[in-house]
Amino acid sequence: MGRRLSTSTVSRAEAVYRFLIEAGGAVTTKLLFEKLRGRGIRMEYMELYRALRLLEKKGLVTAEAKGKETMWTLLKHVDERELRIVLSSRG
């Protein structure tokens, strides 16, 4: 049983997930970071990486190493309500 995620962690993961839906394809961590910051979404690189790993753990995205870059791809589309439930659940 894991510890409860903070509201800010879940909110960041939701923002990242929404951007990946809009992107429509594989996106590098660096590009995600730049685009999110360009939209005024403030987070450190470490927080972005944590959000991506959370999404991966929940089966919503996948990561693929491409040389020195990691490409993130959406695996599963869920609505906003289901996304919050999935991200907030333990395990």
N, C-alpha and C. Protein backbone atom coordinates (compact mmCIF):
# COMPACT_ATOMS: atom_id res chain seq x y z
N MET A 1 0.84 -1.17 0.00
CA MET A 1 0.00 0.00 0.00
C MET A 1 0.89 1.24 0.00
N GLY A 2 0.75 2.09 -1.03
CA GLY A 2 1.57 3.28 -1.13
C GLY A 2 0.96 4.45 -0.37
N ARG A 3 1.76 5.49 -0.28
CA ARG A 3 1.23 6.67 0.39
C ARG A 3 0.37 7.48 -0.56
N ARG A 4 -0.48 8.29 0.00
CA ARG A 4 -1.42 9.09 -0.78
C ARG A 4 -0.67 10.17 -1.56
N LEU A 5 -1.05 10.36 -2.82
CA LEU A 5 -0.43 11.37 -3.65
C LEU A 5 -0.98 12.75 -3.31
N SER A 6 -0.13 13.75 -3.41
CA SER A 6 -0.58 15.11 -3.14
C SER A 6 -1.45 15.61 -4.29
N THR A 7 -2.28 16.59 -3.99
CA THR A 7 -3.15 17.19 -5.00
C THR A 7 -2.32 17.81 -6.11
N SER A 8 -1.20 18.43 -5.76
CA SER A 8 -0.36 19.07 -6.79
C SER A 8 0.27 18.03 -7.71
N THR A 9 0.65 16.87 -7.20
CA THR A 9 1.21 15.80 -8.04
C THR A 9 0.16 15.32 -9.03
N VAL A 10 -1.06 15.11 -8.55
CA VAL A 10 -2.15 14.66 -9.42
C VAL A 10 -2.46 15.74 -10.46
N SER A 11 -2.49 17.00 -10.06
CA SER A 11 -2.78 18.10 -10.99
C SER A 11 -1.72 18.20 -12.09
N ARG A 12 -0.46 18.04 -11.71
CA ARG A 12 0.61 18.07 -12.71
C ARG A 12 0.48 16.91 -13.69
N ALA A 13 0.17 15.73 -13.17
CA ALA A 13 0.01 14.56 -14.04
C ALA A 13 -1.17 14.76 -15.00
N GLU A 14 -2.24 15.38 -14.52
CA GLU A 14 -3.39 15.66 -15.38
C GLU A 14 -3.00 16.62 -16.50
N ALA A 15 -2.24 17.66 -16.19
CA ALA A 15 -1.80 18.62 -17.20
C ALA A 15 -0.92 17.95 -18.25
N VAL A 16 -0.02 17.09 -17.81
CA VAL A 16 0.86 16.37 -18.72
C VAL A 16 0.03 15.45 -19.61
N TYR A 17 -0.91 14.75 -19.03
CA TYR A 17 -1.78 13.83 -19.78
C TYR A 17 -2.55 14.59 -20.85
N ARG A 18 -3.14 15.72 -20.49
CA ARG A 18 -3.89 16.53 -21.46
C ARG A 18 -3.00 16.97 -22.62
N PHE A 19 -1.77 17.36 -22.31
CA PHE A 19 -0.86 17.78 -23.37
C PHE A 19 -0.54 16.60 -24.30
N LEU A 20 -0.32 15.42 -23.73
CA LEU A 20 -0.03 14.24 -24.55
C LEU A 20 -1.19 13.89 -25.47
N ILE A 21 -2.41 14.10 -25.02
CA ILE A 21 -3.58 13.89 -25.89
C ILE A 21 -3.52 14.85 -27.07
N GLU A 22 -3.25 16.13 -26.79
CA GLU A 22 -3.17 17.14 -27.84
C GLU A 22 -2.03 16.86 -28.80
N ALA A 23 -0.91 16.37 -28.29
CA ALA A 23 0.27 16.13 -29.11
C ALA A 23 -0.02 15.06 -30.17
N GLY A 24 -0.80 14.06 -29.80
CA GLY A 24 -1.20 13.05 -30.76
C GLY A 24 -0.13 12.06 -31.18
N GLY A 25 1.03 12.11 -30.57
CA GLY A 25 2.09 11.18 -30.91
C GLY A 25 3.17 11.19 -29.86
N ALA A 26 4.26 10.54 -30.15
CA ALA A 26 5.37 10.46 -29.20
C ALA A 26 6.01 11.84 -29.01
N VAL A 27 6.33 12.17 -27.76
CA VAL A 27 6.92 13.46 -27.42
C VAL A 27 8.08 13.22 -26.46
N THR A 28 9.17 13.95 -26.64
CA THR A 28 10.30 13.81 -25.72
C THR A 28 10.02 14.53 -24.41
N THR A 29 10.72 14.12 -23.37
CA THR A 29 10.59 14.77 -22.07
C THR A 29 10.95 16.24 -22.19
N LYS A 30 12.02 16.53 -22.91
CA LYS A 30 12.48 17.91 -23.07
C LYS A 30 11.42 18.77 -23.76
N LEU A 31 10.83 18.26 -24.82
CA LEU A 31 9.79 19.02 -25.52
C LEU A 31 8.56 19.22 -24.64
N LEU A 32 8.17 18.19 -23.91
CA LEU A 32 7.05 18.32 -22.97
C LEU A 32 7.32 19.44 -21.97
N PHE A 33 8.51 19.43 -21.40
CA PHE A 33 8.89 20.43 -20.41
C PHE A 33 8.79 21.84 -21.00
N GLU A 34 9.35 22.02 -22.19
CA GLU A 34 9.32 23.34 -22.84
C GLU A 34 7.90 23.80 -23.17
N LYS A 35 7.09 22.90 -23.71
CA LYS A 35 5.72 23.26 -24.09
C LYS A 35 4.85 23.57 -22.87
N LEU A 36 4.99 22.78 -21.82
CA LEU A 36 4.20 23.04 -20.61
C LEU A 36 4.59 24.37 -19.98
N ARG A 37 5.87 24.64 -19.92
CA ARG A 37 6.31 25.93 -19.37
C ARG A 37 5.84 27.09 -20.24
N GLY A 38 5.83 26.87 -21.55
CA GLY A 38 5.33 27.88 -22.48
C GLY A 38 3.86 28.18 -22.28
N ARG A 39 3.13 27.24 -21.74
CA ARG A 39 1.70 27.43 -21.44
C ARG A 39 1.48 27.98 -20.05
N GLY A 40 2.56 28.28 -19.35
CA GLY A 40 2.44 28.85 -18.02
C GLY A 40 2.28 27.81 -16.92
N ILE A 41 2.47 26.54 -17.25
CA ILE A 41 2.38 25.49 -16.25
C ILE A 41 3.75 25.37 -15.59
N ARG A 42 3.82 25.80 -14.35
CA ARG A 42 5.09 25.85 -13.63
C ARG A 42 5.38 24.53 -12.95
N MET A 43 6.47 23.89 -13.34
CA MET A 43 6.94 22.69 -12.67
C MET A 43 8.40 22.51 -12.98
N GLU A 44 9.08 21.91 -12.05
CA GLU A 44 10.49 21.58 -12.24
C GLU A 44 10.58 20.33 -13.11
N TYR A 45 11.75 20.13 -13.71
CA TYR A 45 11.96 18.96 -14.56
C TYR A 45 11.70 17.67 -13.77
N MET A 46 12.15 17.64 -12.53
CA MET A 46 11.94 16.46 -11.67
C MET A 46 10.45 16.19 -11.46
N GLU A 47 9.66 17.26 -11.30
CA GLU A 47 8.22 17.10 -11.10
C GLU A 47 7.55 16.56 -12.37
N LEU A 48 8.02 17.02 -13.53
CA LEU A 48 7.51 16.50 -14.79
C LEU A 48 7.81 15.01 -14.90
N TYR A 49 9.04 14.66 -14.60
CA TYR A 49 9.44 13.26 -14.68
C TYR A 49 8.61 12.40 -13.72
N ARG A 50 8.36 12.91 -12.52
CA ARG A 50 7.53 12.19 -11.54
C ARG A 50 6.10 12.01 -12.08
N ALA A 51 5.56 13.05 -12.70
CA ALA A 51 4.21 12.97 -13.27
C ALA A 51 4.17 11.94 -14.40
N LEU A 52 5.20 11.93 -15.24
CA LEU A 52 5.25 10.97 -16.34
C LEU A 52 5.36 9.54 -15.82
N ARG A 53 6.17 9.33 -14.80
CA ARG A 53 6.30 7.99 -14.22
C ARG A 53 5.00 7.54 -13.57
N LEU A 54 4.27 8.47 -12.97
CA LEU A 54 2.97 8.14 -12.38
C LEU A 54 2.00 7.69 -13.49
N LEU A 55 1.97 8.45 -14.58
CA LEU A 55 1.10 8.10 -15.71
C LEU A 55 1.49 6.74 -16.29
N GLU A 56 2.79 6.47 -16.33
CA GLU A 56 3.27 5.19 -16.83
C GLU A 56 2.85 4.04 -15.89
N LYS A 57 3.02 4.26 -14.61
CA LYS A 57 2.66 3.25 -13.60
C LYS A 57 1.17 2.91 -13.67
N LYS A 58 0.35 3.91 -13.97
CA LYS A 58 -1.10 3.71 -14.04
C LYS A 58 -1.55 3.15 -15.40
N GLY A 59 -0.60 2.91 -16.30
CA GLY A 59 -0.91 2.31 -17.60
C GLY A 59 -1.48 3.26 -18.63
N LEU A 60 -1.26 4.56 -18.44
CA LEU A 60 -1.81 5.56 -19.35
C LEU A 60 -0.83 5.98 -20.44
N VAL A 61 0.46 5.90 -20.18
CA VAL A 61 1.49 6.25 -21.15
C VAL A 61 2.59 5.20 -21.14
N THR A 62 3.40 5.24 -22.16
CA THR A 62 4.56 4.36 -22.23
C THR A 62 5.80 5.21 -22.55
N ALA A 63 6.94 4.73 -22.09
CA ALA A 63 8.21 5.41 -22.35
C ALA A 63 9.09 4.52 -23.21
N GLU A 64 9.79 5.16 -24.15
CA GLU A 64 10.72 4.42 -24.99
C GLU A 64 11.99 5.24 -25.13
N ALA A 65 13.11 4.63 -24.79
CA ALA A 65 14.40 5.31 -24.91
C ALA A 65 14.80 5.38 -26.38
N LYS A 66 15.17 6.58 -26.81
CA LYS A 66 15.66 6.81 -28.17
C LYS A 66 16.98 7.55 -28.04
N GLY A 67 18.05 6.80 -27.94
CA GLY A 67 19.35 7.43 -27.72
C GLY A 67 19.38 8.06 -26.34
N LYS A 68 19.65 9.36 -26.28
CA LYS A 68 19.69 10.07 -25.00
C LYS A 68 18.33 10.64 -24.61
N GLU A 69 17.34 10.50 -25.47
CA GLU A 69 16.00 11.03 -25.22
C GLU A 69 15.04 9.91 -24.81
N THR A 70 14.01 10.29 -24.06
CA THR A 70 12.92 9.38 -23.77
C THR A 70 11.68 9.91 -24.47
N MET A 71 11.04 9.03 -25.23
CA MET A 71 9.81 9.39 -25.94
C MET A 71 8.62 8.85 -25.15
N TRP A 72 7.63 9.72 -24.93
CA TRP A 72 6.43 9.36 -24.18
C TRP A 72 5.25 9.31 -25.12
N THR A 73 4.49 8.22 -25.05
CA THR A 73 3.34 8.03 -25.93
C THR A 73 2.12 7.65 -25.10
N LEU A 74 1.00 8.22 -25.45
CA LEU A 74 -0.27 7.92 -24.80
C LEU A 74 -0.70 6.50 -25.16
N LEU A 75 -1.09 5.74 -24.16
CA LEU A 75 -1.57 4.37 -24.38
C LEU A 75 -3.08 4.26 -24.28
N LYS A 76 -3.67 5.05 -23.41
CA LYS A 76 -5.09 4.90 -23.11
C LYS A 76 -5.74 6.26 -22.95
N HIS A 77 -6.87 6.45 -23.64
CA HIS A 77 -7.66 7.67 -23.49
C HIS A 77 -8.71 7.47 -22.41
N VAL A 78 -8.75 8.38 -21.46
CA VAL A 78 -9.79 8.37 -20.43
C VAL A 78 -10.34 9.79 -20.30
N ASP A 79 -11.57 9.91 -19.79
CA ASP A 79 -12.13 11.24 -19.59
C ASP A 79 -11.56 11.84 -18.30
N GLU A 80 -11.86 13.12 -18.07
CA GLU A 80 -11.30 13.85 -16.92
C GLU A 80 -11.65 13.18 -15.58
N ARG A 81 -12.88 12.73 -15.45
CA ARG A 81 -13.31 12.10 -14.20
C ARG A 81 -12.54 10.80 -13.94
N GLU A 82 -12.47 9.97 -14.97
CA GLU A 82 -11.76 8.70 -14.82
C GLU A 82 -10.27 8.92 -14.59
N LEU A 83 -9.71 9.94 -15.24
CA LEU A 83 -8.30 10.26 -15.05
C LEU A 83 -8.01 10.57 -13.59
N ARG A 84 -8.83 11.42 -12.99
CA ARG A 84 -8.63 11.78 -11.58
C ARG A 84 -8.75 10.55 -10.69
N ILE A 85 -9.72 9.69 -10.97
CA ILE A 85 -9.89 8.47 -10.17
C ILE A 85 -8.66 7.57 -10.30
N VAL A 86 -8.21 7.35 -11.54
CA VAL A 86 -7.05 6.49 -11.78
C VAL A 86 -5.80 7.04 -11.09
N LEU A 87 -5.58 8.33 -11.22
CA LEU A 87 -4.37 8.94 -10.64
C LEU A 87 -4.42 8.98 -9.11
N SER A 88 -5.60 9.12 -8.56
CA SER A 88 -5.73 9.23 -7.11
C SER A 88 -5.74 7.89 -6.39
N SER A 89 -5.96 6.82 -7.15
CA SER A 89 -6.04 5.50 -6.52
C SER A 89 -4.66 5.03 -6.09
N ARG A 90 -4.64 4.27 -5.03
CA ARG A 90 -3.37 3.71 -4.54
C ARG A 90 -3.07 2.44 -5.31
N GLY A 91 -1.76 2.16 -5.39
CA GLY A 91 -1.37 0.89 -6.02
C GLY A 91 -0.95 1.01 -7.43
